[in-house]
C-alpha cells in the first residue's frame, strides 16, 4: 500500500437491531474510532483523519509484529514449563508414595528381624529361644518323677530357673549399651 493512495471504501455489513432499526455495530465502530483518534493526537493538538488512524494502527501492528510473535513464543514456553512442573510434581508424589510404602515395608522387616534376633537359637544370648525343647525338658522331668514327693521340689526348681531367666532378661533390658558420642579429633595447626 503506497503512501499517496487513499483507502477505498468497502462494503461492510452491520448488525441492525430488529426492533429499533438502529445500526449497533456502526455506533460501536464510531466510538472506537473516536478513542483511537484521541490517542493519536498530533503535536499541534488536532485529531488525525480516520484514514490516518487506520494507517497508524496498521503500521503499529506491523512494527509490533515481532513483539506479538515473541509474546506467543513466551506463552508457549510458559505453558510447556507449567506442564513440565506438573509432571515433575506428579512424579515427586508417586516417588513419595512409593518411598513411604517402602519405608513401611523396611520398618516391618526390621521389626521382624529384631524379634527373630531376640528369639534366636543361640541359648547363651536368650534362654527362651528353643521354647519347644524347654517345654519338652519340663515334661520329661515331670514324667520321670510321678510321685507327690518329687513333684514339689521339681516345681520349686523350675520356678527358680524361670526367676533367674527373668532376672537375666531384665538385666539385659536395664543395661542397654548407651551411645557414646565420638570425641572430636583435634587437629594441630601450625607451620612445620
C-alpha atoms as a PDB file:
ATOM      1  CA  UNK A   1       0.000   0.000   0.000  1.00  0.00           C
ATOM      2  CA  UNK A   2       1.540   3.249  -1.114  1.00  0.00           C
ATOM      3  CA  UNK A   3       1.547   6.404   0.933  1.00  0.00           C
ATOM      4  CA  UNK A   4      -0.353   8.554  -1.509  1.00  0.00           C
ATOM      5  CA  UNK A   5      -3.127   6.109  -2.187  1.00  0.00           C
ATOM      6  CA  UNK A   6      -6.349   6.511  -0.312  1.00  0.00           C
ATOM      7  CA  UNK A   7      -8.279   3.708   1.254  1.00  0.00           C
ATOM      8  CA  UNK A   8     -11.197   2.630  -0.865  1.00  0.00           C
ATOM      9  CA  UNK A   9     -14.498   2.286   0.889  1.00  0.00           C
ATOM     10  CA  UNK A  10     -15.520  -1.297   1.421  1.00  0.00           C
ATOM     11  CA  UNK A  11     -18.956  -2.698   1.806  1.00  0.00           C
ATOM     12  CA  UNK A  12     -19.388  -3.626   5.463  1.00  0.00           C
ATOM     13  CA  UNK A  13     -22.430  -5.471   6.720  1.00  0.00           C
ATOM     14  CA  UNK A  14     -23.504  -4.062  10.054  1.00  0.00           C
ATOM     15  CA  UNK A  15     -25.784  -5.664  12.567  1.00  0.00           C
ATOM     16  CA  UNK A  16     -29.113  -3.877  12.698  1.00  0.00           C
ATOM     17  CA  UNK A  17     -31.278  -4.060  15.781  1.00  0.00           C
ATOM     18  CA  UNK A  18     -34.592  -5.528  14.554  1.00  0.00           C
ATOM     19  CA  UNK A  19     -36.940  -3.668  16.913  1.00  0.00           C
ATOM     20  CA  UNK A  20     -35.386  -0.201  16.839  1.00  0.00           C
ATOM     21  CA  UNK A  21     -33.757  -0.388  13.428  1.00  0.00           C
ATOM     22  CA  UNK A  22     -30.525   1.097  14.773  1.00  0.00           C
ATOM     23  CA  UNK A  23     -27.183   0.005  13.451  1.00  0.00           C
ATOM     24  CA  UNK A  24     -25.488  -1.208  16.643  1.00  0.00           C
ATOM     25  CA  UNK A  25     -22.074  -2.113  15.284  1.00  0.00           C
ATOM     26  CA  UNK A  26     -21.740   1.197  13.422  1.00  0.00           C
ATOM     27  CA  UNK A  27     -22.156   3.119  16.677  1.00  0.00           C
ATOM     28  CA  UNK A  28     -19.604   0.909  18.407  1.00  0.00           C
ATOM     29  CA  UNK A  29     -17.180   1.322  15.490  1.00  0.00           C
ATOM     30  CA  UNK A  30     -17.523   5.101  15.647  1.00  0.00           C
ATOM     31  CA  UNK A  31     -16.864   5.093  19.377  1.00  0.00           C
ATOM     32  CA  UNK A  32     -13.747   3.012  18.862  1.00  0.00           C
ATOM     33  CA  UNK A  33     -12.525   5.311  16.099  1.00  0.00           C
ATOM     34  CA  UNK A  34     -13.002   8.343  18.338  1.00  0.00           C
ATOM     35  CA  UNK A  35     -10.970   6.647  21.075  1.00  0.00           C
ATOM     36  CA  UNK A  36      -8.194   5.847  18.589  1.00  0.00           C
ATOM     37  CA  UNK A  37      -8.217   9.427  17.260  1.00  0.00           C
ATOM     38  CA  UNK A  38      -7.930  10.816  20.794  1.00  0.00           C
ATOM     39  CA  UNK A  39      -4.958   8.570  21.488  1.00  0.00           C
ATOM     40  CA  UNK A  40      -3.218   9.532  18.233  1.00  0.00           C
ATOM     41  CA  UNK A  41      -3.406  13.320  18.579  1.00  0.00           C
ATOM     42  CA  UNK A  42      -0.899  15.252  16.552  1.00  0.00           C
ATOM     43  CA  UNK A  43       1.673  17.507  18.256  1.00  0.00           C
ATOM     44  CA  UNK A  44      -0.364  20.594  17.362  1.00  0.00           C
ATOM     45  CA  UNK A  45      -3.432  19.104  19.108  1.00  0.00           C
ATOM     46  CA  UNK A  46      -5.538  18.313  16.018  1.00  0.00           C
ATOM     47  CA  UNK A  47      -7.127  14.910  15.576  1.00  0.00           C
ATOM     48  CA  UNK A  48      -5.926  12.768  12.639  1.00  0.00           C
ATOM     49  CA  UNK A  49      -8.359  11.644   9.979  1.00  0.00           C
ATOM     50  CA  UNK A  50      -9.928   8.230  10.128  1.00  0.00           C
ATOM     51  CA  UNK A  51      -7.712   7.058   7.259  1.00  0.00           C
ATOM     52  CA  UNK A  52      -4.597   8.212   9.111  1.00  0.00           C
ATOM     53  CA  UNK A  53      -5.804   6.390  12.220  1.00  0.00           C
ATOM     54  CA  UNK A  54      -6.162   3.170  10.243  1.00  0.00           C
ATOM     55  CA  UNK A  55      -2.758   3.629   8.654  1.00  0.00           C
ATOM     56  CA  UNK A  56      -1.102   4.323  12.016  1.00  0.00           C
ATOM     57  CA  UNK A  57      -2.845   1.338  13.582  1.00  0.00           C
ATOM     58  CA  UNK A  58      -1.719  -0.942  10.742  1.00  0.00           C
ATOM     59  CA  UNK A  59       1.858   0.373  10.984  1.00  0.00           C
ATOM     60  CA  UNK A  60       1.824  -0.127  14.740  1.00  0.00           C
ATOM     61  CA  UNK A  61       0.674  -3.702  14.249  1.00  0.00           C
ATOM     62  CA  UNK A  62       3.427  -4.368  11.697  1.00  0.00           C
ATOM     63  CA  UNK A  63       6.016  -2.659  13.927  1.00  0.00           C
ATOM     64  CA  UNK A  64       4.915  -4.715  16.902  1.00  0.00           C
ATOM     65  CA  UNK A  65       4.629  -7.933  14.909  1.00  0.00           C
ATOM     66  CA  UNK A  66       7.909  -9.225  16.353  1.00  0.00           C
ATOM     67  CA  UNK A  67       6.718  -8.371  19.857  1.00  0.00           C
ATOM     68  CA  UNK A  68       3.483 -10.276  19.277  1.00  0.00           C
ATOM     69  CA  UNK A  69       5.398 -13.275  17.942  1.00  0.00           C
ATOM     70  CA  UNK A  70       7.768 -13.118  20.912  1.00  0.00           C
ATOM     71  CA  UNK A  71       4.788 -12.895  23.231  1.00  0.00           C
ATOM     72  CA  UNK A  72       3.252 -16.005  21.657  1.00  0.00           C
ATOM     73  CA  UNK A  73       6.547 -17.874  21.946  1.00  0.00           C
ATOM     74  CA  UNK A  74       6.854 -16.864  25.593  1.00  0.00           C
ATOM     75  CA  UNK A  75       3.290 -18.043  26.239  1.00  0.00           C
ATOM     76  CA  UNK A  76       4.105 -21.399  24.650  1.00  0.00           C
ATOM     77  CA  UNK A  77       7.313 -21.706  26.685  1.00  0.00           C
ATOM     78  CA  UNK A  78       5.436 -20.798  29.848  1.00  0.00           C
ATOM     79  CA  UNK A  79       2.757 -23.395  29.166  1.00  0.00           C
ATOM     80  CA  UNK A  80       5.452 -26.020  28.461  1.00  0.00           C
ATOM     81  CA  UNK A  81       7.245 -25.113  31.708  1.00  0.00           C
ATOM     82  CA  UNK A  82       3.973 -25.404  33.629  1.00  0.00           C
ATOM     83  CA  UNK A  83       3.332 -28.821  32.085  1.00  0.00           C
ATOM     84  CA  UNK A  84       6.864 -29.924  32.991  1.00  0.00           C
ATOM     85  CA  UNK A  85       6.392 -28.675  36.553  1.00  0.00           C
ATOM     86  CA  UNK A  86       3.113 -30.592  36.811  1.00  0.00           C
ATOM     87  CA  UNK A  87       4.804 -33.738  35.501  1.00  0.00           C
ATOM     88  CA  UNK A  88       7.676 -33.303  37.967  1.00  0.00           C
ATOM     89  CA  UNK A  89       5.181 -32.711  40.785  1.00  0.00           C
ATOM     90  CA  UNK A  90       3.264 -35.880  39.821  1.00  0.00           C
ATOM     91  CA  UNK A  91       6.496 -37.887  39.638  1.00  0.00           C
ATOM     92  CA  UNK A  92       7.525 -36.495  43.023  1.00  0.00           C
ATOM     93  CA  UNK A  93       4.175 -37.521  44.534  1.00  0.00           C
ATOM     94  CA  UNK A  94       4.478 -41.012  43.034  1.00  0.00           C
ATOM     95  CA  UNK A  95       8.044 -41.368  44.328  1.00  0.00           C
ATOM     96  CA  UNK A  96       6.969 -40.056  47.724  1.00  0.00           C
ATOM     97  CA  UNK A  97       4.148 -42.608  47.965  1.00  0.00           C
ATOM     98  CA  UNK A  98       6.491 -45.377  46.808  1.00  0.00           C
ATOM     99  CA  UNK A  99       9.132 -44.383  49.366  1.00  0.00           C
ATOM    100  CA  UNK A 100       6.551 -44.239  52.155  1.00  0.00           C
ATOM    101  CA  UNK A 101       5.374 -47.746  51.269  1.00  0.00           C
ATOM    102  CA  UNK A 102       8.969 -48.953  51.014  1.00  0.00           C
ATOM    103  CA  UNK A 103       9.798 -47.363  54.376  1.00  0.00           C
ATOM    104  CA  UNK A 104       6.810 -49.075  55.972  1.00  0.00           C
ATOM    105  CA  UNK A 105       7.905 -52.419  54.489  1.00  0.00           C
ATOM    106  CA  UNK A 106      11.511 -51.905  55.635  1.00  0.00           C
ATOM    107  CA  UNK A 107      10.307 -50.946  59.128  1.00  0.00           C
ATOM    108  CA  UNK A 108       8.197 -54.102  59.279  1.00  0.00           C
ATOM    109  CA  UNK A 109      11.185 -56.164  58.120  1.00  0.00           C
ATOM    110  CA  UNK A 110      13.392 -54.505  60.741  1.00  0.00           C
ATOM    111  CA  UNK A 111      10.879 -55.235  63.496  1.00  0.00           C
ATOM    112  CA  UNK A 112      10.641 -58.834  62.316  1.00  0.00           C
ATOM    113  CA  UNK A 113      14.445 -59.056  62.260  1.00  0.00           C
ATOM    114  CA  UNK A 114      14.647 -57.656  65.795  1.00  0.00           C
ATOM    115  CA  UNK A 115      12.089 -60.191  67.004  1.00  0.00           C
ATOM    116  CA  UNK A 116      13.980 -63.025  65.322  1.00  0.00           C
ATOM    117  CA  UNK A 117      17.221 -61.763  66.818  1.00  0.00           C
ATOM    118  CA  UNK A 118      15.634 -61.565  70.249  1.00  0.00           C
ATOM    119  CA  UNK A 119      14.362 -65.116  69.979  1.00  0.00           C
ATOM    120  CA  UNK A 120      17.347 -66.532  68.121  1.00  0.00           C
ATOM    121  CA  UNK A 121      18.522 -70.112  68.509  1.00  0.00           C
ATOM    122  CA  UNK A 122      21.586 -69.105  70.498  1.00  0.00           C
ATOM    123  CA  UNK A 123      20.761 -70.285  74.026  1.00  0.00           C
ATOM    124  CA  UNK A 124      23.581 -68.281  75.577  1.00  0.00           C
ATOM    125  CA  UNK A 125      22.016 -64.993  74.495  1.00  0.00           C
ATOM    126  CA  UNK A 126      18.415 -65.912  75.138  1.00  0.00           C
ATOM    127  CA  UNK A 127      17.279 -68.839  77.285  1.00  0.00           C
ATOM    128  CA  UNK A 128      13.797 -68.726  75.718  1.00  0.00           C
ATOM    129  CA  UNK A 129      15.000 -69.366  72.184  1.00  0.00           C
ATOM    130  CA  UNK A 130      14.164 -73.006  71.896  1.00  0.00           C
ATOM    131  CA  UNK A 131      10.782 -72.980  73.601  1.00  0.00           C
ATOM    132  CA  UNK A 132       9.810 -76.427  72.390  1.00  0.00           C
ATOM    133  CA  UNK A 133      12.899 -78.116  73.855  1.00  0.00           C
ATOM    134  CA  UNK A 134      12.484 -76.158  77.065  1.00  0.00           C
ATOM    135  CA  UNK A 135       8.902 -77.390  77.470  1.00  0.00           C
ATOM    136  CA  UNK A 136       9.899 -80.902  76.423  1.00  0.00           C
ATOM    137  CA  UNK A 137      12.556 -80.973  79.160  1.00  0.00           C
ATOM    138  CA  UNK A 138       9.973 -79.907  81.726  1.00  0.00           C
ATOM    139  CA  UNK A 139       7.571 -82.634  80.616  1.00  0.00           C
ATOM    140  CA  UNK A 140      10.324 -85.275  80.645  1.00  0.00           C
ATOM    141  CA  UNK A 141      11.204 -84.456  84.246  1.00  0.00           C
ATOM    142  CA  UNK A 142       7.538 -84.399  85.183  1.00  0.00           C
ATOM    143  CA  UNK A 143       7.005 -87.860  83.675  1.00  0.00           C
ATOM    144  CA  UNK A 144      10.125 -89.308  85.278  1.00  0.00           C
ATOM    145  CA  UNK A 145       9.054 -88.290  88.802  1.00  0.00           C
ATOM    146  CA  UNK A 146       5.350 -89.008  89.113  1.00  0.00           C
ATOM    147  CA  UNK A 147       5.166 -89.263  92.884  1.00  0.00           C
ATOM    148  CA  UNK A 148       3.969 -86.356  95.035  1.00  0.00           C
ATOM    149  CA  UNK A 149       7.200 -86.124  96.934  1.00  0.00           C
ATOM    150  CA  UNK A 150       9.193 -85.499  93.731  1.00  0.00           C
ATOM    151  CA  UNK A 151       6.729 -83.023  92.214  1.00  0.00           C
ATOM    152  CA  UNK A 152       7.120 -80.210  94.776  1.00  0.00           C
ATOM    153  CA  UNK A 153      10.921 -79.960  94.506  1.00  0.00           C
ATOM    154  CA  UNK A 154      10.628 -80.082  90.692  1.00  0.00           C
ATOM    155  CA  UNK A 155       8.170 -77.161  90.685  1.00  0.00           C
ATOM    156  CA  UNK A 156      10.372 -75.178  93.078  1.00  0.00           C
ATOM    157  CA  UNK A 157      13.443 -75.925  90.930  1.00  0.00           C
ATOM    158  CA  UNK A 158      11.685 -74.832  87.731  1.00  0.00           C
ATOM    159  CA  UNK A 159      10.313 -71.718  89.417  1.00  0.00           C
ATOM    160  CA  UNK A 160      13.844 -70.763  90.483  1.00  0.00           C
ATOM    161  CA  UNK A 161      15.115 -71.345  86.919  1.00  0.00           C
ATOM    162  CA  UNK A 162      12.359 -69.164  85.487  1.00  0.00           C
ATOM    163  CA  UNK A 163      13.058 -66.460  88.075  1.00  0.00           C
ATOM    164  CA  UNK A 164      16.771 -66.491  87.151  1.00  0.00           C
ATOM    165  CA  UNK A 165      15.930 -66.261  83.430  1.00  0.00           C
ATOM    166  CA  UNK A 166      13.595 -63.325  84.012  1.00  0.00           C
ATOM    167  CA  UNK A 167      16.215 -61.586  86.163  1.00  0.00           C
ATOM    168  CA  UNK A 168      18.865 -62.037  83.453  1.00  0.00           C
ATOM    169  CA  UNK A 169      16.470 -60.751  80.810  1.00  0.00           C
ATOM    170  CA  UNK A 170      15.608 -57.692  82.902  1.00  0.00           C
ATOM    171  CA  UNK A 171      19.299 -57.006  83.481  1.00  0.00           C
ATOM    172  CA  UNK A 172      19.864 -57.052  79.744  1.00  0.00           C
ATOM    173  CA  UNK A 173      17.000 -54.632  79.234  1.00  0.00           C
ATOM    174  CA  UNK A 174      18.111 -52.311  82.042  1.00  0.00           C
ATOM    175  CA  UNK A 175      21.760 -52.388  80.999  1.00  0.00           C
ATOM    176  CA  UNK A 176      21.313 -51.405  77.374  1.00  0.00           C
ATOM    177  CA  UNK A 177      24.537 -50.045  75.928  1.00  0.00           C
ATOM    178  CA  UNK A 178      24.442 -46.268  75.829  1.00  0.00           C
ATOM    179  CA  UNK A 179      25.589 -44.396  72.782  1.00  0.00           C
ATOM    180  CA  UNK A 180      28.921 -42.755  73.416  1.00  0.00           C
ATOM    181  CA  UNK A 181      29.418 -39.641  71.282  1.00  0.00           C
ATOM    182  CA  UNK A 182      32.544 -39.718  69.174  1.00  0.00           C
ATOM    183  CA  UNK A 183      35.203 -37.464  70.537  1.00  0.00           C
ATOM    184  CA  UNK A 184      36.123 -34.745  68.147  1.00  0.00           C
ATOM    185  CA  UNK A 185      39.609 -35.116  66.855  1.00  0.00           C
ATOM    186  CA  UNK A 186      41.638 -32.017  67.480  1.00  0.00           C
ATOM    187  CA  UNK A 187      43.824 -31.079  64.565  1.00  0.00           C
ATOM    188  CA  UNK A 188      47.037 -29.267  65.184  1.00  0.00           C
ATOM    189  CA  UNK A 189      47.710 -26.203  63.164  1.00  0.00           C
ATOM    190  CA  UNK A 190      50.977 -24.530  62.614  1.00  0.00           C
ATOM    191  CA  UNK A 191      53.911 -24.426  60.290  1.00  0.00           C
ATOM    192  CA  UNK A 192      56.236 -27.397  60.178  1.00  0.00           C
END
